Each structure stands twice: as C-alpha cells, then as structure tokens.
Amino acid sequence: MSRITLTPAAREALRDGEVVFFDWHVTGLCCADAGEFSVRALSRARLPRRARPLSQSEPVYAHPIAWLHLTGLPVTIDCRPLWRWRRFTSDLPPDAGLRCCLGRPLYGPLHRR
C-alpha cells in the first residue's frame, strides 16, 4: 500500500460519500503505460469497478495502471478551492507517468527510498 496523506484542506473538501480518485490518461500510442495522472473527488458509488484502494486509512483509490505506478510511494494530496470548484492536487512530479515509462526515477531530491 502507498503512504497516502490527505491535508486538512483535502479532508474538509471531501463531501459525504466521496473519495479521492487517481485517474489515468493515456498520452502515448505505442506504450500502454505512457500516461499521466489526474486527481479528483468522486462519489464512492461512481467509482469504476476496477478502481483499487491506495491506502487502508485514507479514502483514496486509483485506476489500475495508476495504482501500479503509485503503490508504495509517499503521496500528499491537497485541495485548493478555486471559486466554487475544488481542485485536488498531489505532490507528484507533473510527468510521473512518463518518468516511470522511460525508467527514470519517480522520486525527486525531497524523497528518499
């Protein structure tokens, strides 16, 4: 399982029955795992059947391919309100999917394994 942390703002932004969902967006045509993550709140009832939990203690789920990239990583999720919308963000590098696909480390200088 991943070491997922929700900030107080992210916990407060989640409504009853909602979870945080890491979705996967394909960005490459030749490689099935070339893609990027997006983070959003989603009703637990609308979770895709294949969604997998990323944490035992936090309401965070992921698309199966995103789960493969995120499992075991320390990830912090925050929420920044933008007018009446909620914008969930993570501390992952913006090109995390492509870094994994190309064999480059996902961790930056702040993360140590």
N, C-alpha and C. Protein backbone atom coordinates (compact mmCIF):
# COMPACT_ATOMS: atom_id res chain seq x y z
N MET A 1 0.83 -1.19 0.00
CA MET A 1 0.00 0.00 0.00
C MET A 1 0.88 1.25 0.00
N SER A 2 0.32 2.31 -0.48
CA SER A 2 1.02 3.59 -0.52
C SER A 2 0.91 4.31 0.81
N ARG A 3 1.81 5.25 1.00
CA ARG A 3 1.76 6.11 2.18
C ARG A 3 1.07 7.41 1.76
N ILE A 4 -0.23 7.37 1.75
CA ILE A 4 -1.04 8.50 1.29
C ILE A 4 -1.40 9.38 2.49
N THR A 5 -1.26 10.69 2.29
CA THR A 5 -1.63 11.65 3.32
C THR A 5 -2.55 12.69 2.70
N LEU A 6 -3.69 12.89 3.33
CA LEU A 6 -4.58 13.97 2.92
C LEU A 6 -4.34 15.15 3.84
N THR A 7 -4.17 16.33 3.27
CA THR A 7 -4.03 17.53 4.09
C THR A 7 -5.38 17.84 4.73
N PRO A 8 -5.40 18.66 5.78
CA PRO A 8 -6.69 19.05 6.38
C PRO A 8 -7.63 19.69 5.36
N ALA A 9 -7.09 20.48 4.43
CA ALA A 9 -7.93 21.11 3.40
C ALA A 9 -8.57 20.06 2.50
N ALA A 10 -7.83 19.01 2.15
CA ALA A 10 -8.37 17.95 1.30
C ALA A 10 -9.45 17.16 2.03
N ARG A 11 -9.22 16.86 3.30
CA ARG A 11 -10.24 16.15 4.08
C ARG A 11 -11.52 16.96 4.19
N GLU A 12 -11.36 18.25 4.43
CA GLU A 12 -12.52 19.13 4.58
C GLU A 12 -13.28 19.29 3.26
N ALA A 13 -12.58 19.26 2.15
CA ALA A 13 -13.22 19.44 0.84
C ALA A 13 -14.02 18.23 0.39
N LEU A 14 -13.69 17.04 0.90
CA LEU A 14 -14.44 15.85 0.52
C LEU A 14 -15.83 15.88 1.15
N ARG A 15 -16.83 15.64 0.33
CA ARG A 15 -18.21 15.60 0.81
C ARG A 15 -18.53 14.17 1.28
N ASP A 16 -19.65 14.03 1.96
CA ASP A 16 -20.07 12.70 2.41
C ASP A 16 -20.19 11.76 1.22
N GLY A 17 -19.61 10.58 1.35
CA GLY A 17 -19.69 9.58 0.30
C GLY A 17 -18.69 9.76 -0.83
N GLU A 18 -17.79 10.71 -0.72
CA GLU A 18 -16.79 10.95 -1.76
C GLU A 18 -15.44 10.36 -1.37
N VAL A 19 -14.66 10.03 -2.39
CA VAL A 19 -13.29 9.56 -2.23
C VAL A 19 -12.41 10.34 -3.20
N VAL A 20 -11.12 10.24 -3.00
CA VAL A 20 -10.16 10.83 -3.94
C VAL A 20 -9.79 9.74 -4.92
N PHE A 21 -9.79 10.07 -6.21
CA PHE A 21 -9.53 9.09 -7.25
C PHE A 21 -8.39 9.56 -8.15
N PHE A 22 -7.34 8.73 -8.28
CA PHE A 22 -6.26 8.97 -9.23
C PHE A 22 -6.66 8.31 -10.54
N ASP A 23 -6.93 9.13 -11.54
CA ASP A 23 -7.30 8.59 -12.84
C ASP A 23 -6.05 8.51 -13.72
N TRP A 24 -6.12 7.76 -14.79
CA TRP A 24 -5.00 7.57 -15.70
C TRP A 24 -5.42 8.01 -17.09
N HIS A 25 -4.59 8.84 -17.72
CA HIS A 25 -4.86 9.35 -19.06
C HIS A 25 -3.72 8.92 -19.97
N VAL A 26 -4.04 8.18 -21.00
CA VAL A 26 -3.03 7.69 -21.93
C VAL A 26 -2.50 8.85 -22.75
N THR A 27 -1.17 8.97 -22.81
CA THR A 27 -0.56 10.03 -23.61
C THR A 27 0.30 9.48 -24.74
N GLY A 28 0.48 8.17 -24.80
CA GLY A 28 1.31 7.57 -25.84
C GLY A 28 0.51 6.57 -26.64
N LEU A 29 0.88 6.39 -27.89
CA LEU A 29 0.19 5.43 -28.74
C LEU A 29 0.87 4.07 -28.76
N CYS A 30 2.16 4.04 -28.49
CA CYS A 30 2.90 2.79 -28.63
C CYS A 30 3.03 2.03 -27.32
N CYS A 31 2.93 2.69 -26.20
CA CYS A 31 3.14 2.04 -24.91
C CYS A 31 1.87 2.17 -24.07
N ALA A 32 1.42 1.06 -23.52
CA ALA A 32 0.19 1.08 -22.73
C ALA A 32 0.35 1.87 -21.44
N ASP A 33 1.58 1.98 -20.93
CA ASP A 33 1.75 2.67 -19.65
C ASP A 33 2.25 4.10 -19.80
N ALA A 34 2.25 4.65 -21.02
CA ALA A 34 2.64 6.04 -21.20
C ALA A 34 1.42 6.91 -20.94
N GLY A 35 1.45 7.62 -19.83
CA GLY A 35 0.31 8.44 -19.48
C GLY A 35 0.59 9.32 -18.30
N GLU A 36 -0.44 9.97 -17.85
CA GLU A 36 -0.34 10.90 -16.73
C GLU A 36 -1.50 10.69 -15.77
N PHE A 37 -1.31 11.18 -14.54
CA PHE A 37 -2.32 11.08 -13.50
C PHE A 37 -3.17 12.34 -13.46
N SER A 38 -4.39 12.18 -13.01
CA SER A 38 -5.19 13.32 -12.58
C SER A 38 -5.82 12.92 -11.25
N VAL A 39 -6.08 13.89 -10.41
CA VAL A 39 -6.64 13.63 -9.09
C VAL A 39 -7.96 14.39 -8.99
N ARG A 40 -8.99 13.68 -8.55
CA ARG A 40 -10.29 14.33 -8.43
C ARG A 40 -11.12 13.65 -7.36
N ALA A 41 -12.12 14.36 -6.89
CA ALA A 41 -13.08 13.77 -5.95
C ALA A 41 -14.14 13.07 -6.78
N LEU A 42 -14.57 11.92 -6.27
CA LEU A 42 -15.55 11.12 -6.99
C LEU A 42 -16.46 10.44 -5.97
N SER A 43 -17.72 10.37 -6.28
CA SER A 43 -18.65 9.68 -5.40
C SER A 43 -18.26 8.20 -5.33
N ARG A 44 -18.31 7.64 -4.15
CA ARG A 44 -17.94 6.22 -3.98
C ARG A 44 -18.82 5.34 -4.88
N ALA A 45 -20.06 5.74 -5.09
CA ALA A 45 -20.97 4.97 -5.94
C ALA A 45 -20.57 5.03 -7.42
N ARG A 46 -19.81 6.06 -7.82
CA ARG A 46 -19.41 6.21 -9.23
C ARG A 46 -18.00 5.72 -9.51
N LEU A 47 -17.36 5.12 -8.50
CA LEU A 47 -16.02 4.58 -8.71
C LEU A 47 -16.06 3.49 -9.78
N PRO A 48 -15.09 3.48 -10.69
CA PRO A 48 -15.05 2.38 -11.66
C PRO A 48 -14.87 1.05 -10.93
N ARG A 49 -15.42 -0.01 -11.49
CA ARG A 49 -15.33 -1.33 -10.85
C ARG A 49 -13.89 -1.78 -10.65
N ARG A 50 -13.00 -1.36 -11.53
CA ARG A 50 -11.61 -1.79 -11.45
C ARG A 50 -10.75 -0.91 -10.54
N ALA A 51 -11.33 0.11 -9.94
CA ALA A 51 -10.57 1.00 -9.05
C ALA A 51 -10.01 0.20 -7.88
N ARG A 52 -8.76 0.53 -7.52
CA ARG A 52 -8.09 -0.20 -6.43
C ARG A 52 -7.74 0.77 -5.32
N PRO A 53 -7.89 0.35 -4.07
CA PRO A 53 -7.54 1.24 -2.95
C PRO A 53 -6.04 1.45 -2.86
N LEU A 54 -5.64 2.68 -2.58
CA LEU A 54 -4.22 3.01 -2.42
C LEU A 54 -3.81 3.06 -0.96
N SER A 55 -4.77 3.15 -0.07
CA SER A 55 -4.46 3.28 1.35
C SER A 55 -5.53 2.56 2.16
N GLN A 56 -5.11 2.03 3.30
CA GLN A 56 -6.08 1.40 4.19
C GLN A 56 -6.73 2.44 5.11
N SER A 57 -6.04 3.54 5.34
CA SER A 57 -6.53 4.53 6.30
C SER A 57 -7.16 5.77 5.65
N GLU A 58 -6.95 5.96 4.36
CA GLU A 58 -7.47 7.15 3.67
C GLU A 58 -8.41 6.73 2.54
N PRO A 59 -9.44 7.53 2.24
CA PRO A 59 -10.37 7.20 1.16
C PRO A 59 -9.80 7.58 -0.21
N VAL A 60 -8.76 6.85 -0.63
CA VAL A 60 -8.07 7.17 -1.88
C VAL A 60 -8.01 5.90 -2.74
N TYR A 61 -8.44 6.03 -4.00
CA TYR A 61 -8.48 4.92 -4.94
C TYR A 61 -7.75 5.32 -6.22
N ALA A 62 -7.41 4.33 -7.04
CA ALA A 62 -6.68 4.63 -8.27
C ALA A 62 -7.11 3.69 -9.39
N HIS A 63 -7.00 4.18 -10.60
CA HIS A 63 -7.13 3.37 -11.80
C HIS A 63 -6.06 2.29 -11.73
N PRO A 64 -6.28 1.08 -12.24
CA PRO A 64 -5.29 0.01 -12.11
C PRO A 64 -3.89 0.36 -12.60
N ILE A 65 -3.76 1.08 -13.70
CA ILE A 65 -2.43 1.44 -14.19
C ILE A 65 -1.81 2.50 -13.30
N ALA A 66 -2.59 3.47 -12.85
CA ALA A 66 -2.08 4.48 -11.91
C ALA A 66 -1.66 3.80 -10.61
N TRP A 67 -2.42 2.80 -10.18
CA TRP A 67 -2.10 2.07 -8.94
C TRP A 67 -0.72 1.43 -9.04
N LEU A 68 -0.40 0.85 -10.19
CA LEU A 68 0.92 0.23 -10.38
C LEU A 68 2.05 1.23 -10.17
N HIS A 69 1.86 2.46 -10.64
CA HIS A 69 2.89 3.48 -10.50
C HIS A 69 2.95 4.08 -9.10
N LEU A 70 1.83 4.10 -8.41
CA LEU A 70 1.74 4.80 -7.12
C LEU A 70 1.95 3.92 -5.91
N THR A 71 1.79 2.62 -6.06
CA THR A 71 1.88 1.74 -4.90
C THR A 71 3.25 1.85 -4.23
N GLY A 72 3.23 2.06 -2.95
CA GLY A 72 4.47 2.19 -2.18
C GLY A 72 5.06 3.59 -2.11
N LEU A 73 4.50 4.53 -2.85
CA LEU A 73 5.03 5.90 -2.85
C LEU A 73 4.42 6.75 -1.75
N PRO A 74 5.22 7.65 -1.17
CA PRO A 74 4.62 8.64 -0.26
C PRO A 74 4.00 9.77 -1.09
N VAL A 75 2.70 9.96 -0.94
CA VAL A 75 1.99 10.97 -1.72
C VAL A 75 1.15 11.82 -0.78
N THR A 76 1.22 13.13 -0.95
CA THR A 76 0.38 14.06 -0.20
C THR A 76 -0.63 14.67 -1.15
N ILE A 77 -1.89 14.66 -0.74
CA ILE A 77 -2.97 15.20 -1.56
C ILE A 77 -3.51 16.44 -0.86
N ASP A 78 -3.66 17.51 -1.64
CA ASP A 78 -4.16 18.78 -1.12
C ASP A 78 -5.35 19.20 -1.96
N CYS A 79 -6.12 20.13 -1.47
CA CYS A 79 -7.24 20.69 -2.23
C CYS A 79 -7.19 22.20 -2.10
N ARG A 80 -7.27 22.84 -3.25
CA ARG A 80 -7.30 24.30 -3.28
C ARG A 80 -8.60 24.74 -3.94
N PRO A 81 -9.45 25.42 -3.19
CA PRO A 81 -10.69 25.89 -3.80
C PRO A 81 -10.40 26.97 -4.84
N LEU A 82 -11.10 26.89 -5.93
CA LEU A 82 -10.99 27.87 -7.00
C LEU A 82 -12.41 28.34 -7.28
N TRP A 83 -12.78 29.47 -6.70
CA TRP A 83 -14.15 29.96 -6.68
C TRP A 83 -15.03 28.90 -6.04
N ARG A 84 -15.97 28.36 -6.78
CA ARG A 84 -16.85 27.34 -6.20
C ARG A 84 -16.40 25.92 -6.54
N TRP A 85 -15.30 25.78 -7.27
CA TRP A 85 -14.78 24.46 -7.63
C TRP A 85 -13.70 24.03 -6.67
N ARG A 86 -13.52 22.73 -6.58
CA ARG A 86 -12.46 22.16 -5.76
C ARG A 86 -11.39 21.59 -6.69
N ARG A 87 -10.14 21.93 -6.43
CA ARG A 87 -9.05 21.44 -7.27
C ARG A 87 -8.12 20.60 -6.39
N PHE A 88 -8.18 19.29 -6.58
CA PHE A 88 -7.32 18.39 -5.83
C PHE A 88 -5.99 18.26 -6.56
N THR A 89 -4.90 18.32 -5.80
CA THR A 89 -3.57 18.22 -6.35
C THR A 89 -2.75 17.23 -5.51
N SER A 90 -1.66 16.76 -6.10
CA SER A 90 -0.75 15.89 -5.35
C SER A 90 0.67 16.45 -5.49
N ASP A 91 1.56 15.94 -4.66
CA ASP A 91 2.95 16.40 -4.72
C ASP A 91 3.80 15.56 -5.67
N LEU A 92 3.17 14.80 -6.55
CA LEU A 92 3.90 14.02 -7.54
C LEU A 92 4.47 14.93 -8.63
N PRO A 93 5.60 14.54 -9.22
CA PRO A 93 6.11 15.33 -10.35
C PRO A 93 5.08 15.36 -11.48
N PRO A 94 5.02 16.43 -12.23
CA PRO A 94 3.99 16.54 -13.27
C PRO A 94 4.12 15.49 -14.37
N ASP A 95 5.29 14.95 -14.61
CA ASP A 95 5.45 13.95 -15.67
C ASP A 95 5.73 12.57 -15.09
N ALA A 96 5.04 12.23 -13.99
CA ALA A 96 5.31 10.98 -13.27
C ALA A 96 5.13 9.76 -14.16
N GLY A 97 4.10 9.71 -14.96
CA GLY A 97 3.87 8.54 -15.80
C GLY A 97 4.96 8.33 -16.83
N LEU A 98 5.37 9.40 -17.48
CA LEU A 98 6.42 9.27 -18.48
C LEU A 98 7.75 8.93 -17.85
N ARG A 99 8.03 9.45 -16.66
CA ARG A 99 9.28 9.09 -15.99
C ARG A 99 9.33 7.60 -15.69
N CYS A 100 8.23 7.05 -15.22
CA CYS A 100 8.19 5.61 -14.94
C CYS A 100 8.34 4.81 -16.22
N CYS A 101 7.67 5.24 -17.27
CA CYS A 101 7.71 4.53 -18.54
C CYS A 101 9.12 4.49 -19.11
N LEU A 102 9.85 5.57 -18.96
CA LEU A 102 11.20 5.67 -19.52
C LEU A 102 12.27 5.17 -18.56
N GLY A 103 11.88 4.64 -17.41
CA GLY A 103 12.84 4.08 -16.48
C GLY A 103 13.55 5.11 -15.63
N ARG A 104 13.06 6.32 -15.61
CA ARG A 104 13.66 7.36 -14.77
C ARG A 104 13.01 7.32 -13.41
N PRO A 105 13.72 7.66 -12.36
CA PRO A 105 13.13 7.59 -11.02
C PRO A 105 11.99 8.57 -10.86
N LEU A 106 10.98 8.13 -10.12
CA LEU A 106 9.82 8.98 -9.84
C LEU A 106 10.14 9.96 -8.73
N TYR A 107 11.08 9.60 -7.88
CA TYR A 107 11.42 10.42 -6.73
C TYR A 107 12.31 11.59 -7.12
N GLY A 108 12.06 12.70 -6.50
CA GLY A 108 12.91 13.86 -6.67
C GLY A 108 13.88 13.95 -5.51
N PRO A 109 14.56 15.08 -5.36
CA PRO A 109 15.54 15.23 -4.29
C PRO A 109 14.92 15.24 -2.88
N LEU A 110 13.60 15.49 -2.80
CA LEU A 110 12.97 15.54 -1.49
C LEU A 110 12.59 14.15 -0.96
N HIS A 111 12.52 13.17 -1.85
CA HIS A 111 12.10 11.83 -1.46
C HIS A 111 13.31 10.90 -1.45
N ARG A 112 13.38 10.09 -0.43
CA ARG A 112 14.47 9.11 -0.36
C ARG A 112 13.87 7.74 -0.18
N ARG A 113 14.44 6.75 -0.80
CA ARG A 113 13.99 5.37 -0.65
C ARG A 113 14.90 4.63 0.26
